[in-house]
ModelCIF file with pLDDT and N, C-alpha, C, O atoms, coordinates in Angstrom:
data_MODEL
#
_entry.id   MODEL 
#
_entity.id                         1 
_entity.type                       polymer 
_entity.pdbx_number_of_molecules   1 
#
_entity_poly.entity_id                      1 
_entity_poly.type                           'polypeptide(L)' 
_entity_poly.nstd_linkage                   no 
_entity_poly.nstd_monomer                   no 
_entity_poly.pdbx_seq_one_letter_code       PVLDQTPLSGFFIATGLSGHGFGIGPGVGRV 
_entity_poly.pdbx_seq_one_letter_code_can   PVLDQTPLSGFFIATGLSGHGFGIGPGVGRV 
_entity_poly.pdbx_strand_id                 A 
#
loop_
_entity_poly_seq.entity_id 
_entity_poly_seq.num 
_entity_poly_seq.mon_id 
_entity_poly_seq.hetero 
1 1  PRO n 
1 2  VAL n 
1 3  LEU n 
1 4  ASP n 
1 5  GLN n 
1 6  THR n 
1 7  PRO n 
1 8  LEU n 
1 9  SER n 
1 10 GLY n 
1 11 PHE n 
1 12 PHE n 
1 13 ILE n 
1 14 ALA n 
1 15 THR n 
1 16 GLY n 
1 17 LEU n 
1 18 SER n 
1 19 GLY n 
1 20 HIS n 
1 21 GLY n 
1 22 PHE n 
1 23 GLY n 
1 24 ILE n 
1 25 GLY n 
1 26 PRO n 
1 27 GLY n 
1 28 VAL n 
1 29 GLY n 
1 30 ARG n 
1 31 VAL n 
#
_struct_asym.id          A 
_struct_asym.entity_id   1 
#
loop_
_ma_qa_metric.id 
_ma_qa_metric.mode 
_ma_qa_metric.name 
_ma_qa_metric.software_group_id 
_ma_qa_metric.type 
1 global pLDDT . pLDDT 
2 local  pLDDT . pLDDT 
#
_ma_qa_metric_global.metric_id      1 
_ma_qa_metric_global.metric_value   96.81 
_ma_qa_metric_global.model_id       1 
_ma_qa_metric_global.ordinal_id     1 
#
loop_
_ma_qa_metric_local.label_asym_id 
_ma_qa_metric_local.label_comp_id 
_ma_qa_metric_local.label_seq_id 
_ma_qa_metric_local.metric_id 
_ma_qa_metric_local.metric_value 
_ma_qa_metric_local.model_id 
_ma_qa_metric_local.ordinal_id 
A PRO 1  2 97.00 1 1  
A VAL 2  2 98.00 1 2  
A LEU 3  2 98.00 1 3  
A ASP 4  2 98.00 1 4  
A GLN 5  2 98.00 1 5  
A THR 6  2 98.00 1 6  
A PRO 7  2 97.00 1 7  
A LEU 8  2 98.00 1 8  
A SER 9  2 98.00 1 9  
A GLY 10 2 98.00 1 10 
A PHE 11 2 98.00 1 11 
A PHE 12 2 98.00 1 12 
A ILE 13 2 98.00 1 13 
A ALA 14 2 98.00 1 14 
A THR 15 2 98.00 1 15 
A GLY 16 2 96.00 1 16 
A LEU 17 2 94.00 1 17 
A SER 18 2 89.00 1 18 
A GLY 19 2 89.00 1 19 
A HIS 20 2 91.00 1 20 
A GLY 21 2 95.00 1 21 
A PHE 22 2 97.00 1 22 
A GLY 23 2 98.00 1 23 
A ILE 24 2 98.00 1 24 
A GLY 25 2 98.00 1 25 
A PRO 26 2 98.00 1 26 
A GLY 27 2 98.00 1 27 
A VAL 28 2 98.00 1 28 
A GLY 29 2 98.00 1 29 
A ARG 30 2 98.00 1 30 
A VAL 31 2 98.00 1 31 
#
loop_
_atom_site.group_PDB 
_atom_site.id 
_atom_site.type_symbol 
_atom_site.label_atom_id 
_atom_site.label_alt_id 
_atom_site.label_comp_id 
_atom_site.label_asym_id 
_atom_site.label_entity_id 
_atom_site.label_seq_id 
_atom_site.pdbx_PDB_ins_code 
_atom_site.Cartn_x 
_atom_site.Cartn_y 
_atom_site.Cartn_z 
_atom_site.occupancy 
_atom_site.B_iso_or_equiv 
_atom_site.pdbx_formal_charge 
_atom_site.auth_seq_id 
_atom_site.auth_comp_id 
_atom_site.auth_asym_id 
_atom_site.auth_atom_id 
_atom_site.pdbx_PDB_model_num 
ATOM 1   N N  . PRO A 1 1  ? 12.566 -25.354 3.059  1.00 97.00 ? 1  PRO A N  1 
ATOM 2   C CA . PRO A 1 1  ? 11.261 -26.009 3.196  1.00 97.00 ? 1  PRO A CA 1 
ATOM 3   C C  . PRO A 1 1  ? 10.262 -25.645 2.113  1.00 97.00 ? 1  PRO A C  1 
ATOM 4   O O  . PRO A 1 1  ? 10.481 -24.732 1.316  1.00 97.00 ? 1  PRO A O  1 
ATOM 5   N N  . VAL A 1 2  ? 9.168  -26.378 2.105  1.00 98.00 ? 2  VAL A N  1 
ATOM 6   C CA . VAL A 1 2  ? 7.942  -25.973 1.424  1.00 98.00 ? 2  VAL A CA 1 
ATOM 7   C C  . VAL A 1 2  ? 7.038  -25.322 2.462  1.00 98.00 ? 2  VAL A C  1 
ATOM 8   O O  . VAL A 1 2  ? 6.716  -25.921 3.487  1.00 98.00 ? 2  VAL A O  1 
ATOM 9   N N  . LEU A 1 3  ? 6.636  -24.095 2.184  1.00 98.00 ? 3  LEU A N  1 
ATOM 10  C CA . LEU A 1 3  ? 5.677  -23.362 3.014  1.00 98.00 ? 3  LEU A CA 1 
ATOM 11  C C  . LEU A 1 3  ? 4.656  -22.789 2.049  1.00 98.00 ? 3  LEU A C  1 
ATOM 12  O O  . LEU A 1 3  ? 4.851  -21.688 1.536  1.00 98.00 ? 3  LEU A O  1 
ATOM 13  N N  . ASP A 1 4  ? 3.567  -23.511 1.788  1.00 98.00 ? 4  ASP A N  1 
ATOM 14  C CA . ASP A 1 4  ? 2.720  -23.113 0.672  1.00 98.00 ? 4  ASP A CA 1 
ATOM 15  C C  . ASP A 1 4  ? 1.390  -23.848 0.715  1.00 98.00 ? 4  ASP A C  1 
ATOM 16  O O  . ASP A 1 4  ? 1.236  -24.860 1.398  1.00 98.00 ? 4  ASP A O  1 
ATOM 17  N N  . GLN A 1 5  ? 0.432  -23.310 -0.035 1.00 98.00 ? 5  GLN A N  1 
ATOM 18  C CA . GLN A 1 5  ? -0.792 -24.047 -0.338 1.00 98.00 ? 5  GLN A CA 1 
ATOM 19  C C  . GLN A 1 5  ? -0.519 -24.933 -1.542 1.00 98.00 ? 5  GLN A C  1 
ATOM 20  O O  . GLN A 1 5  ? 0.202  -24.534 -2.456 1.00 98.00 ? 5  GLN A O  1 
ATOM 21  N N  . THR A 1 6  ? -1.075 -26.104 -1.551 1.00 98.00 ? 6  THR A N  1 
ATOM 22  C CA . THR A 1 6  ? -0.878 -27.048 -2.641 1.00 98.00 ? 6  THR A CA 1 
ATOM 23  C C  . THR A 1 6  ? -1.939 -26.832 -3.715 1.00 98.00 ? 6  THR A C  1 
ATOM 24  O O  . THR A 1 6  ? -2.832 -26.003 -3.541 1.00 98.00 ? 6  THR A O  1 
ATOM 25  N N  . PRO A 1 7  ? -1.851 -27.569 -4.826 1.00 97.00 ? 7  PRO A N  1 
ATOM 26  C CA . PRO A 1 7  ? -2.916 -27.480 -5.841 1.00 97.00 ? 7  PRO A CA 1 
ATOM 27  C C  . PRO A 1 7  ? -4.285 -27.941 -5.343 1.00 97.00 ? 7  PRO A C  1 
ATOM 28  O O  . PRO A 1 7  ? -5.296 -27.631 -5.973 1.00 97.00 ? 7  PRO A O  1 
ATOM 29  N N  . LEU A 1 8  ? -4.342 -28.670 -4.236 1.00 98.00 ? 8  LEU A N  1 
ATOM 30  C CA . LEU A 1 8  ? -5.620 -29.042 -3.641 1.00 98.00 ? 8  LEU A CA 1 
ATOM 31  C C  . LEU A 1 8  ? -6.086 -27.887 -2.761 1.00 98.00 ? 8  LEU A C  1 
ATOM 32  O O  . LEU A 1 8  ? -5.464 -27.591 -1.741 1.00 98.00 ? 8  LEU A O  1 
ATOM 33  N N  . SER A 1 9  ? -7.156 -27.248 -3.146 1.00 98.00 ? 9  SER A N  1 
ATOM 34  C CA . SER A 1 9  ? -7.620 -26.056 -2.435 1.00 98.00 ? 9  SER A CA 1 
ATOM 35  C C  . SER A 1 9  ? -7.889 -26.371 -0.970 1.00 98.00 ? 9  SER A C  1 
ATOM 36  O O  . SER A 1 9  ? -8.628 -27.298 -0.640 1.00 98.00 ? 9  SER A O  1 
ATOM 37  N N  . GLY A 1 10 ? -7.263 -25.570 -0.093 1.00 98.00 ? 10 GLY A N  1 
ATOM 38  C CA . GLY A 1 10 ? -7.429 -25.744 1.333  1.00 98.00 ? 10 GLY A CA 1 
ATOM 39  C C  . GLY A 1 10 ? -6.393 -26.641 1.979  1.00 98.00 ? 10 GLY A C  1 
ATOM 40  O O  . GLY A 1 10 ? -6.411 -26.821 3.196  1.00 98.00 ? 10 GLY A O  1 
ATOM 41  N N  . PHE A 1 11 ? -5.478 -27.215 1.184  1.00 98.00 ? 11 PHE A N  1 
ATOM 42  C CA . PHE A 1 11 ? -4.461 -28.111 1.722  1.00 98.00 ? 11 PHE A CA 1 
ATOM 43  C C  . PHE A 1 11 ? -3.111 -27.412 1.668  1.00 98.00 ? 11 PHE A C  1 
ATOM 44  O O  . PHE A 1 11 ? -2.612 -27.084 0.592  1.00 98.00 ? 11 PHE A O  1 
ATOM 45  N N  . PHE A 1 12 ? -2.525 -27.186 2.843  1.00 98.00 ? 12 PHE A N  1 
ATOM 46  C CA . PHE A 1 12 ? -1.275 -26.456 2.990  1.00 98.00 ? 12 PHE A CA 1 
ATOM 47  C C  . PHE A 1 12 ? -0.197 -27.404 3.520  1.00 98.00 ? 12 PHE A C  1 
ATOM 48  O O  . PHE A 1 12 ? -0.493 -28.388 4.198  1.00 98.00 ? 12 PHE A O  1 
ATOM 49  N N  . ILE A 1 13 ? 1.056  -27.088 3.198  1.00 98.00 ? 13 ILE A N  1 
ATOM 50  C CA . ILE A 1 13 ? 2.169  -27.916 3.654  1.00 98.00 ? 13 ILE A CA 1 
ATOM 51  C C  . ILE A 1 13 ? 3.259  -27.024 4.243  1.00 98.00 ? 13 ILE A C  1 
ATOM 52  O O  . ILE A 1 13 ? 3.609  -25.989 3.675  1.00 98.00 ? 13 ILE A O  1 
ATOM 53  N N  . ALA A 1 14 ? 3.786  -27.445 5.393  1.00 98.00 ? 14 ALA A N  1 
ATOM 54  C CA . ALA A 1 14 ? 4.989  -26.848 5.991  1.00 98.00 ? 14 ALA A CA 1 
ATOM 55  C C  . ALA A 1 14 ? 5.903  -28.014 6.360  1.00 98.00 ? 14 ALA A C  1 
ATOM 56  O O  . ALA A 1 14 ? 5.717  -28.650 7.397  1.00 98.00 ? 14 ALA A O  1 
ATOM 57  N N  . THR A 1 15 ? 6.876  -28.287 5.522  1.00 98.00 ? 15 THR A N  1 
ATOM 58  C CA . THR A 1 15 ? 7.734  -29.445 5.749  1.00 98.00 ? 15 THR A CA 1 
ATOM 59  C C  . THR A 1 15 ? 9.057  -29.251 5.037  1.00 98.00 ? 15 THR A C  1 
ATOM 60  O O  . THR A 1 15 ? 9.261  -28.249 4.352  1.00 98.00 ? 15 THR A O  1 
ATOM 61  N N  . GLY A 1 16 ? 9.973  -30.229 5.201  1.00 96.00 ? 16 GLY A N  1 
ATOM 62  C CA . GLY A 1 16 ? 11.286 -30.139 4.564  1.00 96.00 ? 16 GLY A CA 1 
ATOM 63  C C  . GLY A 1 16 ? 12.187 -29.126 5.240  1.00 96.00 ? 16 GLY A C  1 
ATOM 64  O O  . GLY A 1 16 ? 12.951 -28.431 4.570  1.00 96.00 ? 16 GLY A O  1 
ATOM 65  N N  . LEU A 1 17 ? 12.108 -29.033 6.561  1.00 94.00 ? 17 LEU A N  1 
ATOM 66  C CA . LEU A 1 17 ? 12.892 -28.021 7.276  1.00 94.00 ? 17 LEU A CA 1 
ATOM 67  C C  . LEU A 1 17 ? 14.369 -28.387 7.383  1.00 94.00 ? 17 LEU A C  1 
ATOM 68  O O  . LEU A 1 17 ? 15.170 -27.596 7.881  1.00 94.00 ? 17 LEU A O  1 
ATOM 69  N N  . SER A 1 18 ? 14.730 -29.574 6.922  1.00 89.00 ? 18 SER A N  1 
ATOM 70  C CA . SER A 1 18 ? 16.108 -29.938 6.568  1.00 89.00 ? 18 SER A CA 1 
ATOM 71  C C  . SER A 1 18 ? 17.125 -29.779 7.691  1.00 89.00 ? 18 SER A C  1 
ATOM 72  O O  . SER A 1 18 ? 18.264 -29.375 7.458  1.00 89.00 ? 18 SER A O  1 
ATOM 73  N N  . GLY A 1 19 ? 16.701 -30.104 8.922  1.00 89.00 ? 19 GLY A N  1 
ATOM 74  C CA . GLY A 1 19 ? 17.652 -30.101 10.019 1.00 89.00 ? 19 GLY A CA 1 
ATOM 75  C C  . GLY A 1 19 ? 17.842 -28.766 10.698 1.00 89.00 ? 19 GLY A C  1 
ATOM 76  O O  . GLY A 1 19 ? 18.641 -28.659 11.628 1.00 89.00 ? 19 GLY A O  1 
ATOM 77  N N  . HIS A 1 20 ? 17.124 -27.738 10.257 1.00 91.00 ? 20 HIS A N  1 
ATOM 78  C CA . HIS A 1 20 ? 17.213 -26.455 10.952 1.00 91.00 ? 20 HIS A CA 1 
ATOM 79  C C  . HIS A 1 20 ? 15.812 -25.902 11.227 1.00 91.00 ? 20 HIS A C  1 
ATOM 80  O O  . HIS A 1 20 ? 15.585 -24.694 11.170 1.00 91.00 ? 20 HIS A O  1 
ATOM 81  N N  . GLY A 1 21 ? 14.877 -26.812 11.526 1.00 95.00 ? 21 GLY A N  1 
ATOM 82  C CA . GLY A 1 21 ? 13.499 -26.402 11.732 1.00 95.00 ? 21 GLY A CA 1 
ATOM 83  C C  . GLY A 1 21 ? 13.141 -26.001 13.145 1.00 95.00 ? 21 GLY A C  1 
ATOM 84  O O  . GLY A 1 21 ? 12.210 -25.220 13.346 1.00 95.00 ? 21 GLY A O  1 
ATOM 85  N N  . PHE A 1 22 ? 13.863 -26.520 14.137 1.00 97.00 ? 22 PHE A N  1 
ATOM 86  C CA . PHE A 1 22 ? 13.526 -26.188 15.519 1.00 97.00 ? 22 PHE A CA 1 
ATOM 87  C C  . PHE A 1 22 ? 13.617 -24.692 15.757 1.00 97.00 ? 22 PHE A C  1 
ATOM 88  O O  . PHE A 1 22 ? 12.685 -24.087 16.287 1.00 97.00 ? 22 PHE A O  1 
ATOM 89  N N  . GLY A 1 23 ? 14.718 -24.101 15.373 1.00 98.00 ? 23 GLY A N  1 
ATOM 90  C CA . GLY A 1 23 ? 14.914 -22.682 15.628 1.00 98.00 ? 23 GLY A CA 1 
ATOM 91  C C  . GLY A 1 23 ? 13.934 -21.791 14.903 1.00 98.00 ? 23 GLY A C  1 
ATOM 92  O O  . GLY A 1 23 ? 13.435 -20.819 15.471 1.00 98.00 ? 23 GLY A O  1 
ATOM 93  N N  . ILE A 1 24 ? 13.653 -22.111 13.660 1.00 98.00 ? 24 ILE A N  1 
ATOM 94  C CA . ILE A 1 24 ? 12.782 -21.264 12.842 1.00 98.00 ? 24 ILE A CA 1 
ATOM 95  C C  . ILE A 1 24 ? 11.315 -21.608 13.050 1.00 98.00 ? 24 ILE A C  1 
ATOM 96  O O  . ILE A 1 24 ? 10.440 -20.942 12.496 1.00 98.00 ? 24 ILE A O  1 
ATOM 97  N N  . GLY A 1 25 ? 11.035 -22.645 13.845 1.00 98.00 ? 25 GLY A N  1 
ATOM 98  C CA . GLY A 1 25 ? 9.684  -23.166 13.981 1.00 98.00 ? 25 GLY A CA 1 
ATOM 99  C C  . GLY A 1 25 ? 8.604  -22.146 14.293 1.00 98.00 ? 25 GLY A C  1 
ATOM 100 O O  . GLY A 1 25 ? 7.597  -22.119 13.586 1.00 98.00 ? 25 GLY A O  1 
ATOM 101 N N  . PRO A 1 26 ? 8.755  -21.292 15.326 1.00 98.00 ? 26 PRO A N  1 
ATOM 102 C CA . PRO A 1 26 ? 7.696  -20.312 15.587 1.00 98.00 ? 26 PRO A CA 1 
ATOM 103 C C  . PRO A 1 26 ? 7.487  -19.332 14.426 1.00 98.00 ? 26 PRO A C  1 
ATOM 104 O O  . PRO A 1 26 ? 6.364  -18.887 14.190 1.00 98.00 ? 26 PRO A O  1 
ATOM 105 N N  . GLY A 1 27 ? 8.558  -18.994 13.704 1.00 98.00 ? 27 GLY A N  1 
ATOM 106 C CA . GLY A 1 27 ? 8.403  -18.140 12.533 1.00 98.00 ? 27 GLY A CA 1 
ATOM 107 C C  . GLY A 1 27 ? 7.599  -18.822 11.447 1.00 98.00 ? 27 GLY A C  1 
ATOM 108 O O  . GLY A 1 27 ? 6.760  -18.197 10.799 1.00 98.00 ? 27 GLY A O  1 
ATOM 109 N N  . VAL A 1 28 ? 7.857  -20.117 11.245 1.00 98.00 ? 28 VAL A N  1 
ATOM 110 C CA . VAL A 1 28 ? 7.070  -20.893 10.291 1.00 98.00 ? 28 VAL A CA 1 
ATOM 111 C C  . VAL A 1 28 ? 5.613  -20.946 10.739 1.00 98.00 ? 28 VAL A C  1 
ATOM 112 O O  . VAL A 1 28 ? 4.705  -20.814 9.919  1.00 98.00 ? 28 VAL A O  1 
ATOM 113 N N  . GLY A 1 29 ? 5.388  -21.139 12.045 1.00 98.00 ? 29 GLY A N  1 
ATOM 114 C CA . GLY A 1 29 ? 4.030  -21.168 12.550 1.00 98.00 ? 29 GLY A CA 1 
ATOM 115 C C  . GLY A 1 29 ? 3.272  -19.884 12.279 1.00 98.00 ? 29 GLY A C  1 
ATOM 116 O O  . GLY A 1 29 ? 2.095  -19.917 11.920 1.00 98.00 ? 29 GLY A O  1 
ATOM 117 N N  . ARG A 1 30 ? 3.944  -18.748 12.448 1.00 98.00 ? 30 ARG A N  1 
ATOM 118 C CA . ARG A 1 30 ? 3.290  -17.472 12.191 1.00 98.00 ? 30 ARG A CA 1 
ATOM 119 C C  . ARG A 1 30 ? 3.008  -17.289 10.696 1.00 98.00 ? 30 ARG A C  1 
ATOM 120 O O  . ARG A 1 30 ? 1.938  -16.810 10.318 1.00 98.00 ? 30 ARG A O  1 
ATOM 121 N N  . VAL A 1 31 ? 3.967  -17.670 9.849  1.00 98.00 ? 31 VAL A N  1 
ATOM 122 C CA . VAL A 1 31 ? 3.775  -17.576 8.401  1.00 98.00 ? 31 VAL A CA 1 
ATOM 123 C C  . VAL A 1 31 ? 2.583  -18.410 7.954  1.00 98.00 ? 31 VAL A C  1 
ATOM 124 O O  . VAL A 1 31 ? 2.270  -18.451 6.765  1.00 98.00 ? 31 VAL A O  1 
#
């Protein structure tokens, strides 16, 4: 995935979990 702030200040993205996002989801949420 992308887990990052973008070049637009204040705009963050968490996406591209590629079919294995359900399990890791709470970890992504904490990150």
